[in-house]
Protein backbone atom coordinates (compact mmCIF):
# COMPACT_ATOMS: atom_id res chain seq x y z
CA MET A 1 -0.26 -0.01 0.04
CA THR A 2 1.21 3.85 -0.68
CA GLY A 3 0.61 6.94 0.58
CA GLN A 4 -1.82 7.79 3.26
CA PRO A 5 -5.29 6.92 2.79
CA ALA A 6 -7.84 9.09 3.74
CA PHE A 7 -9.73 7.66 6.69
CA PRO A 8 -6.77 5.26 8.17
CA LEU A 9 -8.60 2.49 9.86
CA ARG A 10 -7.05 0.15 12.09
CA ALA A 11 -9.84 -1.49 13.50
CA LEU A 12 -13.74 -2.21 11.15
CA THR A 13 -16.38 -3.86 13.40
CA LEU A 14 -19.34 -5.07 11.45
CA THR A 15 -23.03 -5.52 12.76
CA LEU A 16 -24.08 -8.94 10.98
CA THR A 17 -27.48 -9.00 12.14
CA GLU A 18 -29.42 -7.50 14.87
CA ARG A 19 -31.06 -10.74 15.70
CA CYS A 20 -30.48 -12.23 19.41
CA ASN A 21 -31.55 -15.33 20.86
CA LEU A 22 -31.56 -13.86 24.44
CA HIS A 23 -33.00 -10.64 25.00
CA CYS A 24 -31.13 -9.43 28.25
CA ARG A 25 -33.06 -6.64 30.60
CA TYR A 26 -30.44 -4.26 29.92
CA CYS A 27 -29.43 -4.14 26.42
CA TYR A 28 -29.24 -1.02 23.64
CA VAL A 29 -29.30 -3.03 20.64
CA PRO A 30 -32.56 -3.21 18.86
CA VAL A 31 -33.06 -6.80 18.53
CA ASP A 32 -36.60 -6.95 17.11
CA ARG A 33 -36.13 -4.13 14.73
CA GLY A 34 -34.10 -7.65 13.42
CA ARG A 35 -31.89 -5.98 10.63
CA GLU A 36 -29.46 -8.79 8.63
CA MET A 37 -25.95 -7.54 6.64
CA ARG A 38 -26.48 -8.83 2.73
CA ARG A 39 -23.06 -10.65 1.23
CA GLU A 40 -22.03 -7.73 -0.57
CA VAL A 41 -22.28 -5.32 1.93
CA ALA A 42 -20.16 -7.35 3.99
CA ASP A 43 -17.98 -8.16 1.20
CA ALA A 44 -17.55 -4.18 0.71
CA ALA A 45 -16.94 -3.76 4.33
CA VAL A 46 -14.12 -6.14 4.23
CA ASP A 47 -12.67 -4.70 0.68
CA LEU A 48 -12.95 -1.15 2.33
CA LEU A 49 -10.88 -2.49 5.69
CA LEU A 50 -7.98 -3.50 3.68
CA ARG A 51 -7.75 -0.64 0.98
CA GLN A 52 -7.90 2.10 4.31
CA ALA A 53 -5.76 0.08 6.72
CA GLN A 54 -2.95 1.90 8.51
CA GLY A 55 0.13 0.22 10.08
CA ASP A 56 1.06 -3.39 9.62
CA LYS A 57 -1.68 -4.61 11.71
CA VAL A 58 -5.90 -4.21 11.35
CA SER A 59 -8.73 -5.80 13.63
CA LEU A 60 -11.74 -6.82 11.86
CA PHE A 61 -14.62 -7.16 14.12
CA PHE A 62 -17.98 -8.81 14.40
CA PHE A 63 -20.88 -7.75 16.39
CA GLY A 64 -24.83 -8.02 16.93
CA GLY A 65 -27.04 -9.02 18.39
CA GLU A 66 -25.79 -11.80 18.99
CA PRO A 67 -23.37 -12.34 15.76
CA PHE A 68 -22.67 -16.18 15.74
CA LEU A 69 -26.84 -16.68 14.21
CA ALA A 70 -24.59 -15.18 10.88
CA LEU A 71 -21.83 -17.97 10.92
CA SER A 72 -21.96 -18.50 7.19
CA LEU A 73 -21.15 -14.52 6.55
CA MET A 74 -18.85 -14.46 9.10
CA GLN A 75 -17.12 -17.20 7.97
CA ARG A 76 -17.31 -15.38 4.47
CA ALA A 77 -16.37 -12.00 5.73
CA ALA A 78 -12.99 -13.85 7.83
CA GLU A 79 -11.74 -15.76 5.09
CA ARG A 80 -11.83 -12.74 2.13
CA ALA A 81 -10.10 -10.59 4.93
CA ARG A 82 -7.38 -12.62 5.35
CA ALA A 83 -6.80 -13.97 2.05
CA GLY A 84 -7.36 -10.45 0.80
CA ALA A 85 -5.02 -8.67 2.88
CA PRO A 86 -1.74 -7.59 0.92
CA SER A 87 1.73 -8.78 2.23
CA GLY A 88 2.91 -7.51 5.70
CA LEU A 89 -0.67 -6.83 7.05
CA GLU A 90 -1.56 -8.54 9.42
CA VAL A 91 -5.59 -9.03 9.93
CA GLU A 92 -6.66 -9.84 13.52
CA ILE A 93 -10.02 -10.92 13.92
CA GLY A 94 -12.73 -10.88 16.92
CA ALA A 95 -15.67 -11.02 17.94
CA THR A 96 -18.65 -10.26 20.95
CA THR A 97 -20.87 -13.49 21.61
CA ASN A 98 -23.89 -14.31 24.36
CA GLY A 99 -21.88 -17.81 23.91
CA THR A 100 -24.55 -20.12 23.99
CA LEU A 101 -24.32 -21.04 20.27
CA LEU A 102 -20.83 -21.56 20.45
CA GLY A 103 -21.22 -25.58 19.27
CA PRO A 104 -18.29 -27.46 17.14
CA ASP A 105 -18.69 -25.74 13.73
CA GLU A 106 -18.47 -22.18 16.35
CA LEU A 107 -15.46 -23.12 17.59
CA ALA A 108 -14.01 -24.91 14.87
CA LEU A 109 -14.68 -21.35 13.20
CA CYS A 110 -12.95 -19.54 15.98
CA ARG A 111 -10.09 -21.97 16.20
CA ARG A 112 -9.21 -21.54 12.05
CA ALA A 113 -9.56 -17.92 12.69
CA ALA A 114 -7.53 -17.72 15.84
CA MET A 115 -10.67 -15.78 17.10
CA ARG A 116 -10.15 -13.05 20.08
CA LEU A 117 -13.71 -13.30 21.41
CA ALA A 118 -15.33 -11.37 24.20
CA LEU A 119 -17.99 -13.11 25.89
CA SER A 120 -20.69 -11.50 27.24
CA ILE A 121 -21.18 -13.18 31.11
CA ASP A 122 -22.06 -11.09 34.16
CA GLY A 123 -21.06 -14.12 36.47
CA ASP A 124 -22.36 -17.21 37.88
CA GLY A 125 -25.04 -15.99 40.04
CA GLY A 126 -27.05 -12.87 41.16
CA PRO A 127 -30.18 -11.23 39.24
CA ALA A 128 -30.54 -12.85 36.36
CA GLU A 129 -30.19 -10.34 33.21
CA ARG A 130 -29.50 -12.06 30.94
CA LEU A 131 -32.25 -13.71 29.57
CA SER A 132 -33.60 -15.88 27.08
CA ARG A 133 -36.39 -15.08 25.01
CA ALA A 134 -38.44 -17.77 26.91
CA GLY A 135 -37.69 -15.29 30.14
CA GLU A 136 -35.26 -17.52 31.46
CA ASP A 137 -31.36 -17.50 33.27
CA SER A 138 -28.93 -18.01 30.03
CA THR A 139 -25.88 -17.85 32.28
CA PRO A 140 -25.96 -21.85 33.01
CA ARG A 141 -26.15 -22.74 29.15
CA VAL A 142 -22.67 -20.35 28.97
CA LEU A 143 -21.40 -22.34 31.94
CA ASP A 144 -21.92 -25.42 30.47
CA ARG A 145 -19.97 -24.71 26.88
CA LEU A 146 -17.01 -22.84 28.58
CA PRO A 147 -14.72 -25.27 28.41
CA GLY A 148 -14.78 -25.64 24.81
CA ILE A 149 -14.61 -21.45 24.74
CA LEU A 150 -12.10 -21.36 27.16
CA ALA A 151 -9.73 -24.36 25.18
CA LEU A 152 -10.09 -22.26 22.02
CA GLU A 153 -6.38 -20.31 23.86
CA PRO A 154 -3.22 -19.98 23.43
CA HIS A 155 -4.46 -20.06 19.62
CA GLY A 156 -7.50 -17.73 20.46
CA ARG A 157 -8.36 -15.68 23.26
CA VAL A 158 -11.03 -15.08 25.12
CA THR A 159 -11.49 -12.24 27.67
CA ALA A 160 -15.36 -11.78 29.97
CA ARG A 161 -17.58 -8.56 29.24
CA MET A 162 -19.52 -7.71 31.71
CA THR A 163 -22.41 -5.40 32.04
CA VAL A 164 -22.24 -3.74 35.61
CA THR A 165 -25.88 -2.36 36.27
CA PRO A 166 -27.70 -0.99 39.15
CA THR A 167 -29.05 -4.78 39.84
CA ASN A 168 -26.28 -6.60 39.82
CA VAL A 169 -23.50 -3.95 41.26
CA SER A 170 -23.42 -5.07 45.21
CA GLN A 171 -22.07 -8.70 43.20
CA LEU A 172 -19.44 -7.30 41.48
CA ALA A 173 -16.82 -8.52 43.21
CA ALA A 174 -18.09 -11.65 44.14
CA SER A 175 -19.24 -12.25 40.48
CA VAL A 176 -15.02 -11.23 38.89
CA ARG A 177 -13.30 -13.94 42.23
CA ALA A 178 -16.20 -16.00 40.68
CA LEU A 179 -15.31 -15.99 36.78
CA SER A 180 -11.50 -15.69 37.68
CA ASP A 181 -12.04 -19.37 39.56
CA LEU A 182 -13.55 -20.85 36.36
CA GLY A 183 -10.69 -20.41 33.82
CA LEU A 184 -11.48 -16.47 32.44
CA ARG A 185 -7.81 -14.59 32.74
CA ARG A 186 -8.64 -11.70 31.76
CA ILE A 187 -12.32 -9.84 32.74
CA VAL A 188 -13.56 -6.38 31.41
CA TYR A 189 -16.12 -4.65 33.38
CA LEU A 190 -18.24 -1.80 32.00
CA PRO A 191 -21.39 0.02 33.68
CA ALA A 192 -24.50 0.06 31.47
CA PHE A 193 -24.05 4.18 30.71
CA GLU A 194 -28.06 4.14 29.59
CA LEU A 195 -29.89 3.08 33.26
CA PRO A 196 -29.77 6.02 36.35
CA TRP A 197 -27.60 5.21 38.54
CA ASP A 198 -27.91 6.94 42.12
CA GLU A 199 -25.99 7.77 44.48
CA GLU A 200 -26.65 4.53 46.44
CA ALA A 201 -25.73 2.32 43.31
CA LEU A 202 -22.56 4.27 42.92
CA GLY A 203 -21.51 3.93 46.53
CA LEU A 204 -22.38 0.06 46.00
CA TRP A 205 -19.76 0.91 42.75
CA HIS A 206 -17.05 2.25 44.63
CA ARG A 207 -17.51 -0.81 47.71
CA GLU A 208 -17.32 -3.76 45.71
CA HIS A 209 -13.90 -2.21 43.98
CA ARG A 210 -12.20 -1.86 46.97
CA ARG A 211 -13.65 -5.22 47.52
CA ILE A 212 -11.84 -6.17 44.16
CA ALA A 213 -8.60 -4.44 46.00
CA THR A 214 -8.89 -6.50 48.83
CA TRP A 215 -9.28 -10.09 46.94
CA ARG A 216 -6.21 -8.53 44.40
CA ARG A 217 -3.69 -7.82 47.25
CA GLY A 218 -4.43 -10.89 48.57
CA ALA A 219 -4.00 -13.25 45.84
CA ALA A 220 -1.03 -11.46 45.11
CA ALA A 221 0.08 -12.06 48.73
CA ALA A 222 -0.63 -15.85 48.29
CA GLY A 223 1.09 -15.90 45.24
CA LYS A 224 -1.53 -16.65 43.27
CA GLN A 225 -2.18 -15.27 39.80
CA PRO A 226 -6.01 -13.89 39.47
CA ALA A 227 -7.45 -12.80 36.07
CA ALA A 228 -6.21 -9.66 34.42
CA LEU A 229 -8.50 -6.77 34.91
CA PRO A 230 -7.06 -4.25 32.08
CA ALA A 231 -9.60 -1.60 33.36
CA TRP A 232 -7.61 -1.14 35.99
CA ARG A 233 -4.83 0.25 34.43
CA GLY A 234 -6.28 2.77 32.94
CA ILE A 235 -7.37 3.89 37.03
CA GLU A 236 -4.02 3.10 37.87
CA ALA A 237 -2.71 5.64 35.09
CA ARG A 238 -5.02 8.29 35.60
CA LEU A 239 -5.64 8.15 39.51
CA LEU A 240 -1.83 8.20 40.22
CA ARG A 241 0.39 9.38 37.42
CA GLY A 242 -2.48 12.06 36.46
CA ALA A 243 -2.92 10.74 32.84
CA VAL A 244 -4.04 12.61 30.15
CA ARG A 245 -7.47 11.09 28.96
CA ARG A 246 -6.70 9.98 25.41
CA PRO A 247 -9.66 9.69 22.29
CA CYS A 248 -10.39 6.09 22.19
CA GLY A 249 -10.14 6.69 18.35
CA ALA A 250 -14.07 5.84 17.21
CA GLY A 251 -14.55 7.77 14.00
CA THR A 252 -10.40 8.84 13.46
CA ARG A 253 -9.42 5.13 13.00
CA LEU A 254 -11.96 3.22 14.58
CA ALA A 255 -15.62 2.81 12.55
CA ALA A 256 -18.13 0.31 12.59
CA VAL A 257 -21.03 -0.87 9.74
CA ALA A 258 -24.64 -1.24 10.08
CA PRO A 259 -26.38 -4.24 8.71
CA ASP A 260 -27.57 -1.70 5.73
CA GLY A 261 -23.82 -0.95 5.32
CA ALA A 262 -23.61 2.76 6.60
CA LEU A 263 -20.67 4.27 8.75
CA TYR A 264 -20.28 5.53 11.82
CA PRO A 265 -18.10 6.34 13.99
CA CYS A 266 -18.35 2.92 16.59
CA TYR A 267 -20.72 0.23 17.37
CA ARG A 268 -22.59 2.09 19.68
CA PHE A 269 -23.44 4.89 17.27
CA VAL A 270 -25.16 2.26 14.68
CA PHE A 271 -27.98 1.98 16.90
CA ALA A 272 -28.29 5.62 18.98
CA ALA A 273 -31.42 7.70 18.32
CA ASP A 274 -29.75 10.42 16.26
CA ALA A 275 -27.72 7.73 14.37
CA GLU A 276 -27.89 9.67 11.01
CA GLY A 277 -26.12 12.62 12.56
CA TYR A 278 -23.18 10.79 12.40
CA ARG A 279 -22.97 8.82 9.97
CA LEU A 280 -19.42 8.95 8.19
CA GLY A 281 -20.60 7.00 4.67
CA ASP A 282 -21.27 3.34 3.54
CA VAL A 283 -18.72 0.58 2.59
CA HIS A 284 -19.78 1.25 -1.21
CA ALA A 285 -18.69 5.14 -1.92
CA GLY A 286 -16.40 5.09 1.33
CA PHE A 287 -16.10 7.68 4.10
CA GLY A 288 -17.45 11.17 2.37
CA ASN A 289 -19.25 12.84 5.46
CA HIS A 290 -15.88 15.06 6.32
CA GLY A 291 -17.88 16.98 8.36
CA THR A 292 -18.60 14.37 10.81
CA ILE A 293 -15.00 12.83 10.05
CA GLU A 294 -13.58 16.62 11.67
CA LEU A 295 -15.98 17.08 14.32
CA MET A 296 -14.77 13.77 15.49
CA ARG A 297 -11.33 14.03 15.18
CA ALA A 298 -11.39 17.42 17.09
CA VAL A 299 -12.94 15.46 20.25
CA VAL A 300 -10.36 16.14 23.07
CA PRO A 301 -11.79 14.07 26.15
CA GLY A 302 -9.92 16.42 28.79
CA ARG A 303 -12.14 19.14 27.42
CA LEU A 304 -15.82 17.06 27.56
CA ARG A 305 -18.13 19.20 29.84
CA PRO A 306 -21.51 17.81 31.15
CA GLU A 307 -24.53 19.55 30.60
CA HIS A 308 -24.66 20.40 34.10
CA GLY A 309 -21.55 21.83 36.07
CA ASP A 310 -17.71 20.42 35.71
CA CYS A 311 -16.83 16.94 36.18
CA ALA A 312 -14.29 17.00 38.22
CA ARG A 313 -15.60 19.65 40.31
CA ALA A 314 -18.74 17.51 40.64
CA LEU A 315 -16.40 14.79 41.55
CA ARG A 316 -14.63 16.11 44.17
CA ALA A 317 -17.60 17.52 46.12
CA SER A 318 -18.99 13.95 46.46
CA ARG A 319 -18.50 11.81 49.44
CA VAL A 320 -18.82 8.50 47.07
CA ALA A 321 -15.85 10.45 44.74
CA ARG A 322 -13.44 11.00 47.75
CA SER A 323 -13.69 7.95 48.48
CA VAL A 324 -12.31 7.09 45.18
CA TRP A 325 -9.65 9.68 45.18
CA ALA A 326 -8.32 8.46 48.57
CA GLY A 327 -8.73 4.81 47.53
CA ALA A 328 -6.54 5.16 44.31
CA ALA A 329 -3.57 3.84 46.42
CA VAL A 330 -5.38 0.76 47.30
CA LEU A 331 -6.26 0.25 44.02
CA ALA A 332 -3.02 0.45 42.59
CA ALA A 333 -1.26 -1.72 45.52
CA ALA A 334 -3.82 -4.06 43.94
CA ALA A 335 -2.90 -4.03 40.22
CA ALA A 336 0.45 -4.79 41.15
CA PRO A 337 2.77 -7.28 43.38
CA VAL A 338 2.62 -6.71 47.32
CA ALA A 339 5.60 -4.78 47.95
CA ALA A 340 7.69 -5.64 51.27
CA SER A 341 6.35 -4.55 54.16
CA SER A 342 8.37 -1.20 55.74
CA CYS A 343 6.32 -1.11 59.05
CA SER A 344 7.86 -1.43 62.74
CA SER A 345 7.15 -4.41 65.13
CA GLU A 346 4.77 -2.29 66.64
CA VAL A 347 1.48 -1.43 65.91
CA GLN A 348 1.01 1.77 63.68
CA GLU A 349 -0.37 4.96 64.38
CA TYR A 350 -2.05 6.54 61.80
CA SER A 351 -0.20 8.03 58.97
CA PRO A 352 -1.05 8.82 55.29
CA GLY A 353 -0.07 5.89 53.64
CA ALA A 354 0.21 3.42 56.06
CA GLY A 355 -1.20 -0.10 55.65
CA VAL A 356 -3.88 -1.70 56.07
CA CYS A 357 -6.59 -2.46 58.54
CA PRO A 358 -6.20 -5.72 60.94
CA ALA A 359 -10.09 -6.51 60.30
CA GLN A 360 -11.71 -5.31 57.50
CA THR A 361 -15.68 -5.42 57.01
CA ASP A 362 -17.99 -4.77 54.01
CA GLY A 363 -17.98 -0.31 55.05
CA GLY A 364 -21.58 -0.57 54.91
CA SER A 365 -23.84 0.98 58.00
CA ASP A 366 -23.96 -2.61 59.59
CA ALA A 367 -20.30 -3.22 59.12
CA ASP A 368 -19.52 -5.70 61.79
CA ALA A 369 -16.03 -5.36 63.07
CA ASP A 370 -15.91 -8.31 64.62
CA ALA A 371 -15.89 -9.74 61.60
CA PRO A 372 -13.75 -10.09 58.59
CA GLU A 373 -14.83 -10.12 55.27
CA GLY A 374 -12.99 -8.39 53.25
CA GLY A 375 -13.64 -4.73 51.17
CA VAL A 376 -12.98 -2.16 53.24
CA CYS A 377 -12.02 -0.85 56.63
CA PRO A 378 -14.86 -0.28 58.85
CA VAL A 379 -13.08 2.91 60.25
CA GLU A 380 -10.45 4.62 58.42
CA ASP A 381 -8.59 7.48 58.25
CA ASP A 382 -9.09 10.56 55.71
CA ALA A 383 -6.30 11.02 53.58
CA GLY A 384 -7.58 14.27 51.98
CA ASP A 385 -5.77 17.41 52.32
CA ASP A 386 -8.25 18.94 55.08
CA GLY A 387 -6.55 15.55 57.30
CA ALA A 388 -10.36 14.98 59.29
CA ASP A 389 -10.88 12.21 60.61
CA ALA A 390 -13.70 10.28 58.26
CA ALA A 391 -15.18 7.74 61.22
CA ASP A 392 -17.48 11.01 61.59
CA ASP A 393 -19.41 10.12 58.14
CA GLY A 394 -18.82 7.01 57.34
CA PRO A 395 -15.65 4.85 55.51
CA VAL A 396 -15.02 7.45 53.20
CA GLY A 397 -11.39 6.76 51.70
CA GLY A 398 -7.92 7.02 53.62
CA VAL A 399 -5.76 4.23 55.09
CA CYS A 400 -6.54 2.36 57.51
CA PRO A 401 -4.51 3.00 61.00
CA VAL A 402 -2.91 0.06 62.16
CA GLN A 403 -1.22 -2.77 60.73
CA VAL A 404 -0.87 -6.44 61.85
CA ASP A 405 1.70 -9.09 60.90
CA ALA A 406 2.12 -10.85 57.26
CA SER A 407 3.21 -14.59 59.21
CA ASP A 408 1.68 -17.68 57.65
CA ASP A 409 0.84 -18.32 61.08
CA ALA A 410 -2.80 -16.92 61.60
CA ALA A 411 -2.53 -17.31 65.77
CA ASP A 412 -0.10 -14.92 65.54
CA ASP A 413 -0.34 -13.06 68.76
CA GLY A 414 -0.60 -9.77 67.93
CA PRO A 415 -0.18 -6.76 65.27
CA GLN A 416 3.44 -7.01 63.92
CA GLY A 417 3.13 -4.51 61.48
CA GLY A 418 3.12 -5.78 58.18
CA LEU A 419 0.08 -7.60 56.38
CA CYS A 420 -2.57 -9.06 58.01
CA PRO A 421 -2.03 -12.68 58.57
CA MET A 422 -5.51 -14.02 58.07
CA GLN A 423 -6.99 -13.75 54.53
CA ILE A 424 -10.08 -15.03 53.63
CA ASP A 425 -10.82 -12.99 50.18
CA ALA A 426 -8.19 -14.32 48.30
CA SER A 427 -8.02 -18.53 49.07
CA ASP A 428 -11.02 -20.70 50.33
CA ASP A 429 -8.19 -22.10 52.33
CA GLY A 430 -8.35 -19.77 55.16
CA GLY A 431 -4.92 -17.73 56.40
CA GLN A 432 -2.63 -17.01 53.13
CA GLY A 433 -1.41 -13.53 53.69
CA GLY A 434 -2.82 -10.14 52.70
CA LEU A 435 -5.78 -8.19 53.45
CA CYS A 436 -8.30 -9.33 55.73
């Protein structure tokens, strides 16, 4: 390929079908509309990707609905992309799927294409929101097929893709741990942005992140390797290192194709009520809507503002956000291997950055300090600039004021500095070190 393409593509998502065999409560795809992509549209989309490709690697993703309902079209597009790629261009194939249709033929295609699968699964319990058309929980069916899906590795790659809602957020940490225990090595979870999130639900979101931090820190102390959580790299980078938010690439190097062949900045725009206002062109004529393309290129995330007020100012003013910022050190510590403790042999008085709590609970108003069960410290000292003690309005951030021994001996005589001797959140076997 010579020259710089007018729209330098790195990834293209094909919405093969809007049909789906499930009817998830939070889904934004108009599955009842049921549009399907024709073969000539898929062919033109693949050709467009190869013609506009930038660099030595591009990605072709399949989306729906449930894209495996269009198995033959998926296979045709994958083969056309690989066969038509010029020398030196690698084409990566991927798909988002609910997993319920992955039988022998589907898995065979995944193996041949070395497919990267985003498996939509929200855990192995909790409220049933991923329902079949008959209204039944689809999770058991996915779990039945999970061994075959996981066997795709290392030729393919499987990532659990969780959707967090105000209804299931209270089970987030338990669900993440359950999926890790099932053998899923990469887990991505995102909130259902379209749903209303009140202060209570946001508080649960924060509590569950602290529980995840507890689990990851404890697992590392026990020499275990929990599932990777790619989103945590972003949390660490932004909250601790102040990394600048960057555009995702939608409408500048990424694009999506609707079933009728229209081009949009990403798959979310395909189903938006005002989608036509963000149309970039179509697969036959190419990227012709230069006004929309320039609009997308001008997006700078750090300059975006909500309809009412400034994001950062509102964030810092809220009780929930104070806890998020103060807990950033806990999140980062959980994302990295446990560092050697610098504690003395005596119980530590509070100082910013001091250790972990010897007895932690879920941080709720009914928290029982006598029953360690993972999560956040029931009484934490505030790490904020005002130096105020957080006990007056609940566990809203900071670090625990005392530390105990990291010894494997759970019957230790008392706090001696370091980590807690009884880790119940990282292992089913009991005391393994780490956090309480």
